C-alpha atoms as a PDB file:
ATOM      1  CA  UNK A   1     140.971 134.129  95.866  1.00  0.00           C
ATOM      2  CA  UNK A   2     138.306 131.603  96.935  1.00  0.00           C
ATOM      3  CA  UNK A   3     135.738 132.698  99.688  1.00  0.00           C
ATOM      4  CA  UNK A   4     134.579 131.198 102.583  1.00  0.00           C
ATOM      5  CA  UNK A   5     131.246 129.953 103.270  1.00  0.00           C
ATOM      6  CA  UNK A   6     130.025 130.284 106.771  1.00  0.00           C
ATOM      7  CA  UNK A   7     126.807 130.606 108.675  1.00  0.00           C
ATOM      8  CA  UNK A   8     125.435 133.681 109.209  1.00  0.00           C
ATOM      9  CA  UNK A   9     123.411 134.288 112.812  1.00  0.00           C
ATOM     10  CA  UNK A  10     120.134 134.340 111.648  1.00  0.00           C
ATOM     11  CA  UNK A  11     120.376 130.926 110.289  1.00  0.00           C
ATOM     12  CA  UNK A  12     122.165 129.566 113.641  1.00  0.00           C
ATOM     13  CA  UNK A  13     118.931 131.503 115.555  1.00  0.00           C
ATOM     14  CA  UNK A  14     116.721 129.093 112.934  1.00  0.00           C
ATOM     15  CA  UNK A  15     117.942 125.964 114.133  1.00  0.00           C
ATOM     16  CA  UNK A  16     118.350 126.994 117.798  1.00  0.00           C
ATOM     17  CA  UNK A  17     114.494 127.881 117.532  1.00  0.00           C
ATOM     18  CA  UNK A  18     113.755 124.596 115.785  1.00  0.00           C
ATOM     19  CA  UNK A  19     115.645 122.342 118.476  1.00  0.00           C
ATOM     20  CA  UNK A  20     114.112 124.427 121.023  1.00  0.00           C
ATOM     21  CA  UNK A  21     110.214 123.884 119.480  1.00  0.00           C
ATOM     22  CA  UNK A  22     111.185 119.967 118.921  1.00  0.00           C
ATOM     23  CA  UNK A  23     112.428 119.730 122.869  1.00  0.00           C
ATOM     24  CA  UNK A  24     108.928 121.768 123.819  1.00  0.00           C
ATOM     25  CA  UNK A  25     107.063 118.849 122.034  1.00  0.00           C
ATOM     26  CA  UNK A  26     109.185 115.632 123.544  1.00  0.00           C
ATOM     27  CA  UNK A  27     109.919 116.895 127.085  1.00  0.00           C
ATOM     28  CA  UNK A  28     106.416 116.996 128.517  1.00  0.00           C
ATOM     29  CA  UNK A  29     105.692 113.520 126.508  1.00  0.00           C
ATOM     30  CA  UNK A  30     108.925 111.877 128.456  1.00  0.00           C
ATOM     31  CA  UNK A  31     108.037 113.815 131.930  1.00  0.00           C
ATOM     32  CA  UNK A  32     105.251 111.566 132.828  1.00  0.00           C
ATOM     33  CA  UNK A  33     106.868 108.164 132.209  1.00  0.00           C
ATOM     34  CA  UNK A  34     108.612 107.637 135.523  1.00  0.00           C
ATOM     35  CA  UNK A  35     104.811 108.093 137.337  1.00  0.00           C
ATOM     36  CA  UNK A  36     103.604 105.550 134.773  1.00  0.00           C
ATOM     37  CA  UNK A  37     106.366 103.043 135.244  1.00  0.00           C
ATOM     38  CA  UNK A  38     105.609 102.897 139.295  1.00  0.00           C
ATOM     39  CA  UNK A  39     102.005 102.428 138.506  1.00  0.00           C
ATOM     40  CA  UNK A  40     102.919  99.551 136.139  1.00  0.00           C
ATOM     41  CA  UNK A  41     105.415  98.101 138.780  1.00  0.00           C
ATOM     42  CA  UNK A  42     102.371  98.280 141.793  1.00  0.00           C
ATOM     43  CA  UNK A  43      99.908  96.655 139.200  1.00  0.00           C
ATOM     44  CA  UNK A  44     102.481  94.399 138.767  1.00  0.00           C
ATOM     45  CA  UNK A  45     102.814  93.787 142.239  1.00  0.00           C
ATOM     46  CA  UNK A  46      99.486  93.433 143.165  1.00  0.00           C
ATOM     47  CA  UNK A  47      98.304  91.162 140.472  1.00  0.00           C
ATOM     48  CA  UNK A  48     101.281  88.835 139.958  1.00  0.00           C
ATOM     49  CA  UNK A  49     103.854  89.022 142.329  1.00  0.00           C
ATOM     50  CA  UNK A  50     102.057  88.842 145.436  1.00  0.00           C
ATOM     51  CA  UNK A  51      99.066  87.332 144.213  1.00  0.00           C
ATOM     52  CA  UNK A  52     100.760  84.703 143.438  1.00  0.00           C
ATOM     53  CA  UNK A  53     102.458  84.829 146.963  1.00  0.00           C
ATOM     54  CA  UNK A  54      98.884  84.985 148.471  1.00  0.00           C
ATOM     55  CA  UNK A  55      97.601  81.928 146.369  1.00  0.00           C
ATOM     56  CA  UNK A  56     100.203  79.716 147.255  1.00  0.00           C
ATOM     57  CA  UNK A  57      99.979  80.585 151.040  1.00  0.00           C
ATOM     58  CA  UNK A  58      95.879  79.912 150.422  1.00  0.00           C
ATOM     59  CA  UNK A  59      96.785  76.483 148.561  1.00  0.00           C
ATOM     60  CA  UNK A  60      99.023  75.192 151.613  1.00  0.00           C
ATOM     61  CA  UNK A  61      96.617  76.696 154.716  1.00  0.00           C
ATOM     62  CA  UNK A  62      93.299  76.442 153.364  1.00  0.00           C
ATOM     63  CA  UNK A  63      92.722  80.356 153.791  1.00  0.00           C
ATOM     64  CA  UNK A  64      94.440  83.243 153.090  1.00  0.00           C
ATOM     65  CA  UNK A  65      96.795  85.264 156.065  1.00  0.00           C
ATOM     66  CA  UNK A  66      94.113  87.378 158.130  1.00  0.00           C
ATOM     67  CA  UNK A  67      94.305  91.256 158.163  1.00  0.00           C
ATOM     68  CA  UNK A  68      95.707  91.178 161.336  1.00  0.00           C
ATOM     69  CA  UNK A  69      98.612  88.658 160.235  1.00  0.00           C
ATOM     70  CA  UNK A  70      98.961  90.488 156.937  1.00  0.00           C
ATOM     71  CA  UNK A  71     101.613  89.854 154.398  1.00  0.00           C
ATOM     72  CA  UNK A  72     104.560  89.324 157.198  1.00  0.00           C
ATOM     73  CA  UNK A  73     102.628  85.953 157.110  1.00  0.00           C
ATOM     74  CA  UNK A  74     104.128  85.162 153.880  1.00  0.00           C
ATOM     75  CA  UNK A  75     107.366  85.715 155.116  1.00  0.00           C
ATOM     76  CA  UNK A  76     107.501  83.924 158.569  1.00  0.00           C
ATOM     77  CA  UNK A  77     105.265  81.233 159.805  1.00  0.00           C
ATOM     78  CA  UNK A  78     102.411  82.454 162.060  1.00  0.00           C
ATOM     79  CA  UNK A  79     100.792  80.373 164.779  1.00  0.00           C
ATOM     80  CA  UNK A  80      97.352  79.854 162.751  1.00  0.00           C
ATOM     81  CA  UNK A  81      99.789  78.358 159.921  1.00  0.00           C
ATOM     82  CA  UNK A  82      98.736  74.912 159.622  1.00  0.00           C
ATOM     83  CA  UNK A  83     100.916  74.118 156.552  1.00  0.00           C
ATOM     84  CA  UNK A  84     103.144  76.412 156.065  1.00  0.00           C
ATOM     85  CA  UNK A  85     105.854  75.928 153.493  1.00  0.00           C
ATOM     86  CA  UNK A  86     107.104  79.133 153.169  1.00  0.00           C
ATOM     87  CA  UNK A  87     108.252  81.597 152.993  1.00  0.00           C
ATOM     88  CA  UNK A  88     106.473  82.932 149.671  1.00  0.00           C
ATOM     89  CA  UNK A  89     107.960  85.978 149.757  1.00  0.00           C
ATOM     90  CA  UNK A  90     111.714  87.244 150.399  1.00  0.00           C
ATOM     91  CA  UNK A  91     110.493  90.501 152.247  1.00  0.00           C
ATOM     92  CA  UNK A  92     107.945  92.440 153.291  1.00  0.00           C
ATOM     93  CA  UNK A  93     106.704  93.943 150.008  1.00  0.00           C
ATOM     94  CA  UNK A  94     106.865  98.166 149.156  1.00  0.00           C
ATOM     95  CA  UNK A  95     104.947  99.738 146.439  1.00  0.00           C
ATOM     96  CA  UNK A  96     107.106 101.651 144.018  1.00  0.00           C
ATOM     97  CA  UNK A  97     106.791 104.862 146.258  1.00  0.00           C
ATOM     98  CA  UNK A  98     108.308 103.384 149.656  1.00  0.00           C
ATOM     99  CA  UNK A  99     105.017 102.557 151.262  1.00  0.00           C
ATOM    100  CA  UNK A 100     103.903  98.877 152.737  1.00  0.00           C
ATOM    101  CA  UNK A 101     100.750  97.669 150.527  1.00  0.00           C
ATOM    102  CA  UNK A 102      97.088  97.536 152.052  1.00  0.00           C
ATOM    103  CA  UNK A 103      95.950  94.053 152.815  1.00  0.00           C
ATOM    104  CA  UNK A 104      92.586  93.202 153.865  1.00  0.00           C
ATOM    105  CA  UNK A 105      91.164  89.821 154.299  1.00  0.00           C
ATOM    106  CA  UNK A 106      88.496  89.275 154.282  1.00  0.00           C
ATOM    107  CA  UNK A 107      88.036  91.996 151.674  1.00  0.00           C
ATOM    108  CA  UNK A 108      85.315  94.839 151.882  1.00  0.00           C
ATOM    109  CA  UNK A 109      85.295  94.737 147.405  1.00  0.00           C
ATOM    110  CA  UNK A 110      86.396  91.099 146.888  1.00  0.00           C
ATOM    111  CA  UNK A 111      85.559  88.026 149.278  1.00  0.00           C
ATOM    112  CA  UNK A 112      88.845  86.547 149.419  1.00  0.00           C
ATOM    113  CA  UNK A 113      91.136  89.676 149.994  1.00  0.00           C
ATOM    114  CA  UNK A 114      91.600  93.687 148.756  1.00  0.00           C
ATOM    115  CA  UNK A 115      95.182  94.530 148.026  1.00  0.00           C
ATOM    116  CA  UNK A 116      96.179  98.118 146.883  1.00  0.00           C
ATOM    117  CA  UNK A 117      98.654 100.920 147.134  1.00  0.00           C
ATOM    118  CA  UNK A 118      98.146 104.176 148.399  1.00  0.00           C
ATOM    119  CA  UNK A 119      99.797 105.622 144.980  1.00  0.00           C
ATOM    120  CA  UNK A 120     102.234 108.651 144.910  1.00  0.00           C
ATOM    121  CA  UNK A 121     100.051 111.052 147.451  1.00  0.00           C
ATOM    122  CA  UNK A 122      99.931 108.183 150.100  1.00  0.00           C
ATOM    123  CA  UNK A 123      96.277 108.277 150.926  1.00  0.00           C
ATOM    124  CA  UNK A 124      93.438 107.121 149.890  1.00  0.00           C
ATOM    125  CA  UNK A 125      92.332 108.749 146.536  1.00  0.00           C
ATOM    126  CA  UNK A 126      91.770 108.392 143.035  1.00  0.00           C
ATOM    127  CA  UNK A 127      95.433 107.486 142.187  1.00  0.00           C
ATOM    128  CA  UNK A 128      95.361 104.169 144.468  1.00  0.00           C
ATOM    129  CA  UNK A 129      96.224 100.928 142.461  1.00  0.00           C
ATOM    130  CA  UNK A 130      93.817  98.665 143.484  1.00  0.00           C
ATOM    131  CA  UNK A 131      92.973  94.508 142.959  1.00  0.00           C
ATOM    132  CA  UNK A 132      89.194  95.060 142.384  1.00  0.00           C
ATOM    133  CA  UNK A 133      88.997  97.858 139.743  1.00  0.00           C
END
């Protein structure tokens, strides 16, 4: 008669404890990735996507849109635009948190324009993503 070999309760508990320890080490590293991705998307918008549209507008019209015109000047022609060849953007850009980017021209931090996202908390603080730092 052959003996059946099976796992003991202690062996099963050890496996569960090891899996639990692995999850405890890996899970905290994965949870912050979503917020990091949003920050990187905002940086790409500010430093590349919207910046390119603003530079094309400035190339065509000789100046950046004013703060009052805002980024709406990149979507539809404003009376002050002399040589508008837009739209430079398809729609008004929103940051990854669903809010409009803050645009000021002339800028307070840069001579040409300031462009920023208020970040996760939606107010000026240390988590803002900007084009001047």
